[in-house]
């Protein structure tokens, strides 16, 4: 399985090239839940903080300003510590 890719504070040009501002928005309150990605997701965090622990991997701290790619097949636990608001796109 490929690793989760995190880009901290990508440039506005990078975000525009990806079309991030046209993607839908997902919001979620403080909570914890397991998740499996059935397809690759790219997301850009507008607000919030989350600890994502991939199965068999190390916990990642994600939040505002992070562009994250979750490869197809990734199994992880999301622990949202501050309500999240993010743009998202599935391949």
N, C-alpha and C. Protein backbone atom coordinates (compact mmCIF):
# COMPACT_ATOMS: atom_id res chain seq x y z
N UNK A 1 0.84 -1.19 0.00
CA UNK A 1 0.00 0.00 0.00
C UNK A 1 0.89 1.25 0.00
N UNK A 2 0.50 2.24 -0.78
CA UNK A 2 1.24 3.49 -0.80
C UNK A 2 0.97 4.28 0.48
N UNK A 3 1.87 5.20 0.77
CA UNK A 3 1.74 6.01 1.97
C UNK A 3 0.83 7.22 1.73
N UNK A 4 0.27 7.73 2.83
CA UNK A 4 -0.49 8.97 2.80
C UNK A 4 0.51 10.09 2.53
N UNK A 5 0.18 10.97 1.59
CA UNK A 5 1.08 12.06 1.21
C UNK A 5 0.53 13.37 1.78
N UNK A 6 1.38 14.13 2.48
CA UNK A 6 0.97 15.39 3.08
C UNK A 6 1.84 16.52 2.54
N UNK A 7 1.19 17.56 2.05
CA UNK A 7 1.88 18.79 1.64
C UNK A 7 1.40 19.89 2.58
N UNK A 8 2.33 20.42 3.38
CA UNK A 8 1.98 21.50 4.31
C UNK A 8 2.03 22.84 3.58
N UNK A 9 0.94 23.55 3.60
CA UNK A 9 0.83 24.89 3.02
C UNK A 9 1.32 24.97 1.57
N UNK A 10 0.66 24.21 0.66
CA UNK A 10 1.02 24.31 -0.75
C UNK A 10 0.74 25.72 -1.27
N UNK A 11 1.40 26.08 -2.36
CA UNK A 11 1.25 27.42 -2.92
C UNK A 11 -0.15 27.62 -3.50
N UNK A 12 -0.61 28.87 -3.56
CA UNK A 12 -1.90 29.15 -4.20
C UNK A 12 -1.94 28.65 -5.64
N UNK A 13 -0.80 28.71 -6.33
CA UNK A 13 -0.73 28.22 -7.71
C UNK A 13 -0.99 26.72 -7.78
N UNK A 14 -0.43 25.98 -6.83
CA UNK A 14 -0.63 24.53 -6.78
C UNK A 14 -2.11 24.20 -6.55
N UNK A 15 -2.72 24.91 -5.59
CA UNK A 15 -4.13 24.68 -5.28
C UNK A 15 -5.02 25.00 -6.48
N UNK A 16 -4.73 26.10 -7.16
CA UNK A 16 -5.51 26.49 -8.33
C UNK A 16 -5.35 25.48 -9.46
N UNK A 17 -4.12 25.00 -9.67
CA UNK A 17 -3.86 24.02 -10.73
C UNK A 17 -4.65 22.74 -10.50
N UNK A 18 -4.84 22.36 -9.24
CA UNK A 18 -5.62 21.16 -8.90
C UNK A 18 -7.13 21.40 -8.98
N UNK A 19 -7.54 22.67 -8.97
CA UNK A 19 -8.96 23.00 -8.98
C UNK A 19 -9.62 22.88 -7.62
N UNK A 20 -8.81 22.98 -6.56
CA UNK A 20 -9.29 22.78 -5.18
C UNK A 20 -10.52 23.61 -4.86
N UNK A 21 -10.55 24.86 -5.31
CA UNK A 21 -11.65 25.77 -4.91
C UNK A 21 -12.99 25.36 -5.52
N UNK A 22 -12.97 24.45 -6.51
CA UNK A 22 -14.21 23.97 -7.11
C UNK A 22 -14.69 22.65 -6.51
N UNK A 23 -13.88 22.06 -5.64
CA UNK A 23 -14.26 20.79 -5.03
C UNK A 23 -15.33 21.01 -3.96
N UNK A 24 -16.14 19.98 -3.67
CA UNK A 24 -17.12 20.09 -2.59
C UNK A 24 -16.43 20.23 -1.23
N UNK A 25 -17.21 20.64 -0.25
CA UNK A 25 -16.71 20.81 1.12
C UNK A 25 -17.35 19.77 2.03
N UNK A 26 -16.53 19.20 2.90
CA UNK A 26 -16.99 18.24 3.91
C UNK A 26 -16.69 18.82 5.28
N UNK A 27 -17.64 18.70 6.20
CA UNK A 27 -17.47 19.20 7.56
C UNK A 27 -17.82 18.09 8.54
N UNK A 28 -17.08 18.07 9.65
CA UNK A 28 -17.34 17.05 10.68
C UNK A 28 -16.92 17.59 12.03
N UNK A 29 -17.75 17.33 13.03
CA UNK A 29 -17.48 17.76 14.40
C UNK A 29 -16.44 16.84 15.05
N UNK A 30 -16.02 17.22 16.25
CA UNK A 30 -15.09 16.40 17.03
C UNK A 30 -15.67 15.00 17.17
N UNK A 31 -14.88 14.01 16.79
CA UNK A 31 -15.34 12.61 16.80
C UNK A 31 -14.18 11.70 16.47
N UNK A 32 -14.42 10.40 16.57
CA UNK A 32 -13.42 9.40 16.21
C UNK A 32 -14.13 8.27 15.48
N UNK A 33 -13.55 7.81 14.35
CA UNK A 33 -14.18 6.77 13.56
C UNK A 33 -13.15 6.09 12.65
N UNK A 34 -13.40 4.82 12.31
CA UNK A 34 -12.54 4.13 11.35
C UNK A 34 -12.98 4.50 9.93
N UNK A 35 -12.03 4.48 8.99
CA UNK A 35 -12.37 4.79 7.61
C UNK A 35 -11.49 3.98 6.67
N UNK A 36 -12.08 3.51 5.57
CA UNK A 36 -11.35 2.82 4.51
C UNK A 36 -11.63 3.55 3.21
N UNK A 37 -10.58 3.90 2.49
CA UNK A 37 -10.72 4.62 1.22
C UNK A 37 -10.90 3.64 0.07
N UNK A 38 -12.08 3.68 -0.57
CA UNK A 38 -12.37 2.80 -1.71
C UNK A 38 -11.82 3.38 -3.01
N UNK A 39 -11.44 4.64 -2.97
CA UNK A 39 -10.75 5.28 -4.09
C UNK A 39 -9.82 6.35 -3.50
N UNK A 40 -8.91 6.86 -4.31
CA UNK A 40 -7.96 7.86 -3.83
C UNK A 40 -8.69 9.17 -3.56
N UNK A 41 -8.42 9.76 -2.40
CA UNK A 41 -8.98 11.08 -2.06
C UNK A 41 -7.85 12.07 -1.90
N UNK A 42 -8.04 13.25 -2.49
CA UNK A 42 -7.16 14.39 -2.22
C UNK A 42 -8.03 15.41 -1.50
N UNK A 43 -7.53 15.95 -0.41
CA UNK A 43 -8.31 16.95 0.32
C UNK A 43 -7.42 18.09 0.79
N UNK A 44 -8.05 19.24 0.99
CA UNK A 44 -7.35 20.43 1.46
C UNK A 44 -8.10 20.96 2.68
N UNK A 45 -7.41 20.99 3.82
CA UNK A 45 -8.03 21.40 5.08
C UNK A 45 -8.14 22.92 5.18
N UNK A 46 -9.37 23.39 5.35
CA UNK A 46 -9.64 24.82 5.55
C UNK A 46 -9.63 25.18 7.02
N UNK A 47 -10.07 24.25 7.86
CA UNK A 47 -10.17 24.47 9.31
C UNK A 47 -10.03 23.14 10.02
N UNK A 48 -9.68 23.23 11.30
CA UNK A 48 -9.72 22.05 12.15
C UNK A 48 -8.39 21.37 12.36
N UNK A 49 -8.47 20.26 13.10
CA UNK A 49 -7.29 19.45 13.41
C UNK A 49 -7.74 18.00 13.57
N UNK A 50 -6.91 17.09 13.06
CA UNK A 50 -7.24 15.67 13.11
C UNK A 50 -5.97 14.85 13.26
N UNK A 51 -6.09 13.77 13.99
CA UNK A 51 -5.02 12.78 14.09
C UNK A 51 -5.49 11.59 13.27
N UNK A 52 -4.75 11.24 12.22
CA UNK A 52 -5.09 10.11 11.38
C UNK A 52 -4.06 9.03 11.61
N UNK A 53 -4.53 7.85 12.01
CA UNK A 53 -3.63 6.73 12.26
C UNK A 53 -3.92 5.63 11.25
N UNK A 54 -3.02 5.46 10.26
CA UNK A 54 -3.21 4.38 9.30
C UNK A 54 -2.95 3.03 9.95
N UNK A 55 -3.67 2.01 9.49
CA UNK A 55 -3.49 0.65 10.01
C UNK A 55 -2.02 0.25 9.84
N UNK A 56 -1.37 -0.07 10.96
CA UNK A 56 0.03 -0.48 10.93
C UNK A 56 1.02 0.64 10.72
N UNK A 57 0.55 1.91 10.85
CA UNK A 57 1.44 3.05 10.62
C UNK A 57 1.45 4.03 11.76
N UNK A 58 2.20 5.10 11.56
CA UNK A 58 2.32 6.14 12.58
C UNK A 58 1.25 7.21 12.41
N UNK A 59 0.82 7.79 13.51
CA UNK A 59 -0.20 8.83 13.51
C UNK A 59 0.31 10.09 12.84
N UNK A 60 -0.55 10.67 11.99
CA UNK A 60 -0.25 11.94 11.32
C UNK A 60 -1.12 13.02 11.92
N UNK A 61 -0.53 14.20 12.14
CA UNK A 61 -1.28 15.38 12.59
C UNK A 61 -1.59 16.21 11.36
N UNK A 62 -2.88 16.40 11.08
CA UNK A 62 -3.31 17.14 9.91
C UNK A 62 -4.21 18.28 10.33
N UNK A 63 -4.21 19.35 9.53
CA UNK A 63 -5.08 20.47 9.84
C UNK A 63 -5.00 21.57 8.82
N UNK A 64 -5.46 22.73 9.21
CA UNK A 64 -5.57 23.89 8.32
C UNK A 64 -4.30 24.08 7.49
N UNK A 65 -4.51 24.19 6.17
CA UNK A 65 -3.40 24.44 5.27
C UNK A 65 -2.73 23.20 4.72
N UNK A 66 -3.21 22.01 5.10
CA UNK A 66 -2.60 20.77 4.61
C UNK A 66 -3.37 20.22 3.40
N UNK A 67 -2.61 19.82 2.38
CA UNK A 67 -3.14 19.13 1.22
C UNK A 67 -2.72 17.67 1.37
N UNK A 68 -3.70 16.78 1.43
CA UNK A 68 -3.42 15.39 1.79
C UNK A 68 -3.99 14.44 0.73
N UNK A 69 -3.20 13.43 0.37
CA UNK A 69 -3.65 12.40 -0.55
C UNK A 69 -3.71 11.07 0.20
N UNK A 70 -4.92 10.49 0.22
CA UNK A 70 -5.14 9.18 0.83
C UNK A 70 -5.30 8.17 -0.30
N UNK A 71 -4.33 7.26 -0.49
CA UNK A 71 -4.42 6.29 -1.59
C UNK A 71 -5.57 5.29 -1.41
N UNK A 72 -6.06 4.78 -2.52
CA UNK A 72 -7.07 3.72 -2.52
C UNK A 72 -6.60 2.58 -1.61
N UNK A 73 -7.52 2.09 -0.79
CA UNK A 73 -7.22 0.96 0.09
C UNK A 73 -6.70 1.34 1.46
N UNK A 74 -6.43 2.64 1.68
CA UNK A 74 -5.94 3.07 2.99
C UNK A 74 -7.01 2.80 4.05
N UNK A 75 -6.59 2.13 5.12
CA UNK A 75 -7.47 1.90 6.28
C UNK A 75 -6.87 2.71 7.42
N UNK A 76 -7.70 3.50 8.08
CA UNK A 76 -7.18 4.36 9.14
C UNK A 76 -8.27 4.71 10.14
N UNK A 77 -7.84 5.33 11.22
CA UNK A 77 -8.77 5.86 12.21
C UNK A 77 -8.61 7.37 12.22
N UNK A 78 -9.71 8.08 12.10
CA UNK A 78 -9.72 9.53 12.19
C UNK A 78 -10.11 9.91 13.62
N UNK A 79 -9.31 10.77 14.24
CA UNK A 79 -9.63 11.33 15.55
C UNK A 79 -9.64 12.84 15.37
N UNK A 80 -10.84 13.39 15.17
CA UNK A 80 -10.98 14.83 14.94
C UNK A 80 -10.97 15.53 16.30
N UNK A 81 -9.95 16.37 16.51
CA UNK A 81 -9.79 17.05 17.79
C UNK A 81 -10.32 18.49 17.75
N UNK A 82 -10.46 19.06 16.55
CA UNK A 82 -11.11 20.36 16.33
C UNK A 82 -11.95 20.20 15.07
N UNK A 83 -13.18 20.66 15.09
CA UNK A 83 -14.09 20.48 13.96
C UNK A 83 -13.39 20.77 12.63
N UNK A 84 -13.60 19.87 11.68
CA UNK A 84 -12.91 19.93 10.39
C UNK A 84 -13.83 20.48 9.30
N UNK A 85 -13.22 21.27 8.43
CA UNK A 85 -13.85 21.76 7.21
C UNK A 85 -12.80 21.61 6.12
N UNK A 86 -13.12 20.85 5.06
CA UNK A 86 -12.11 20.61 4.02
C UNK A 86 -12.76 20.46 2.65
N UNK A 87 -12.00 20.85 1.61
CA UNK A 87 -12.37 20.54 0.24
C UNK A 87 -11.91 19.11 -0.01
N UNK A 88 -12.63 18.36 -0.86
CA UNK A 88 -12.21 16.99 -1.14
C UNK A 88 -12.54 16.62 -2.58
N UNK A 89 -11.76 15.66 -3.09
CA UNK A 89 -11.96 15.16 -4.45
C UNK A 89 -11.54 13.70 -4.50
N UNK A 90 -12.41 12.85 -5.07
CA UNK A 90 -12.08 11.43 -5.24
C UNK A 90 -11.72 11.16 -6.68
N UNK A 91 -10.66 10.38 -6.89
CA UNK A 91 -10.26 9.96 -8.24
C UNK A 91 -11.08 8.77 -8.67
